[in-house]
Amino acid sequence: MTQKLYSYVLRYDDGAAPNPFWGTCTLTICKPDIRRKASVGDWVIGTGSKNSRLKDGNTYDLSDSVVYAMKVTKNFRLPTTTNFADSI
C-alpha cells in the first residue's frame, strides 16, 4: 500500500489541535478531511503560517517551518477518541 503525506498550515499552535500531549499526537478536533482519509502508515505534517501568533503575543513568519510531523499509527473515530482521552 502506498503511503500518503497530508499537510496543512497551523495558523494557531495552542496545543488543542493537534494535541501533542500524553505521548500521542492527535487531530481530534481539526482537519476532518485528513481524519477521514488518512490511513495507518500515512504521514501528517503541520507547517507554520506567514502570520503565526505565539504565546508571547507576537506574530512571526513561520511559513518555512515544519511545526510537527506524525505518522498515523491508529485511526480512531470521535467516540473512541473521547473514550481514549478520558482514560489517560
Protein backbone atom coordinates (compact mmCIF):
# COMPACT_ATOMS: atom_id res chain seq x y z
CA MET A 1 0.00 0.00 0.00
CA THR A 2 1.26 3.49 -0.84
CA GLN A 3 1.84 5.92 2.00
CA LYS A 4 0.33 9.37 1.64
CA LEU A 5 1.54 12.68 3.01
CA TYR A 6 -1.01 15.19 4.26
CA SER A 7 -0.09 18.71 5.26
CA TYR A 8 -1.79 21.83 6.48
CA VAL A 9 -0.92 25.25 7.84
CA LEU A 10 -1.22 25.78 11.58
CA ARG A 11 -2.49 29.29 11.98
CA TYR A 12 -2.50 28.94 15.77
CA ASP A 13 -0.47 26.46 17.76
CA ASP A 14 -2.08 26.37 21.19
CA GLY A 15 -1.84 22.62 21.82
CA ALA A 16 -5.52 21.86 21.21
CA ALA A 17 -5.14 20.65 17.64
CA PRO A 18 -3.01 18.90 17.01
CA ASN A 19 -2.85 17.70 20.58
CA PRO A 20 0.73 16.52 21.26
CA PHE A 21 0.31 15.65 24.93
CA TRP A 22 0.44 12.33 26.82
CA GLY A 23 2.69 10.59 24.29
CA THR A 24 0.14 10.69 21.48
CA CYS A 25 -0.37 13.32 18.81
CA THR A 26 -3.98 13.61 17.64
CA LEU A 27 -6.08 15.59 15.18
CA THR A 28 -9.12 15.16 17.38
CA ILE A 29 -10.85 18.47 16.67
CA CYS A 30 -9.28 19.64 13.43
CA LYS A 31 -8.94 18.69 9.80
CA PRO A 32 -11.94 16.39 9.30
CA ASP A 33 -10.90 15.58 5.71
CA ILE A 34 -7.48 14.36 6.86
CA ARG A 35 -9.04 12.40 9.74
CA ARG A 36 -11.47 10.74 7.32
CA LYS A 37 -8.90 9.87 4.62
CA ALA A 38 -5.62 9.17 6.42
CA SER A 39 -4.73 5.53 6.94
CA VAL A 40 -2.26 3.75 9.18
CA GLY A 41 1.22 4.35 7.75
CA ASP A 42 0.41 7.78 6.27
CA TRP A 43 2.14 10.95 7.47
CA VAL A 44 0.68 14.30 8.54
CA ILE A 45 2.78 17.45 8.81
CA GLY A 46 1.80 20.82 10.13
CA THR A 47 3.61 23.88 8.85
CA GLY A 48 3.75 27.37 10.29
CA SER A 49 1.89 30.24 8.69
CA LYS A 50 3.04 33.63 7.50
CA ASN A 51 1.26 35.15 10.50
CA SER A 52 1.80 32.66 13.31
CA ARG A 53 0.82 34.08 16.69
CA LEU A 54 2.84 32.62 19.54
CA LYS A 55 2.29 32.59 23.30
CA ASP A 56 4.29 35.81 23.69
CA GLY A 57 1.50 37.57 21.76
CA ASN A 58 3.72 38.48 18.83
CA THR A 59 3.22 37.38 15.23
CA TYR A 60 6.02 35.69 13.28
CA ASP A 61 6.55 34.38 9.75
CA LEU A 62 6.93 30.63 10.25
CA SER A 63 5.79 29.72 6.73
CA ASP A 64 9.09 27.95 6.05
CA SER A 65 8.92 25.86 9.24
CA VAL A 66 7.62 22.38 9.99
CA VAL A 67 5.85 22.58 13.36
CA TYR A 68 5.27 18.85 13.68
CA ALA A 69 5.28 15.58 11.75
CA MET A 70 3.40 12.49 12.82
CA LYS A 71 2.96 9.02 11.41
CA VAL A 72 -0.55 7.61 11.59
CA THR A 73 -0.43 4.51 13.79
CA LYS A 74 -4.10 4.29 14.74
CA ASN A 75 -7.26 5.71 13.28
CA PHE A 76 -9.88 6.44 15.92
CA ARG A 77 -13.32 7.80 15.27
CA LEU A 78 -14.54 10.59 17.55
CA PRO A 79 -16.38 8.50 20.22
CA THR A 80 -13.35 6.21 20.53
CA THR A 81 -11.05 9.21 20.75
CA THR A 82 -13.16 10.72 23.51
CA ASN A 83 -13.04 7.45 25.47
CA PHE A 84 -9.27 7.24 24.94
CA ALA A 85 -8.78 10.82 26.18
CA ASP A 86 -10.91 10.14 29.25
CA SER A 87 -8.76 7.11 30.11
CA ILE A 88 -5.46 9.00 30.36
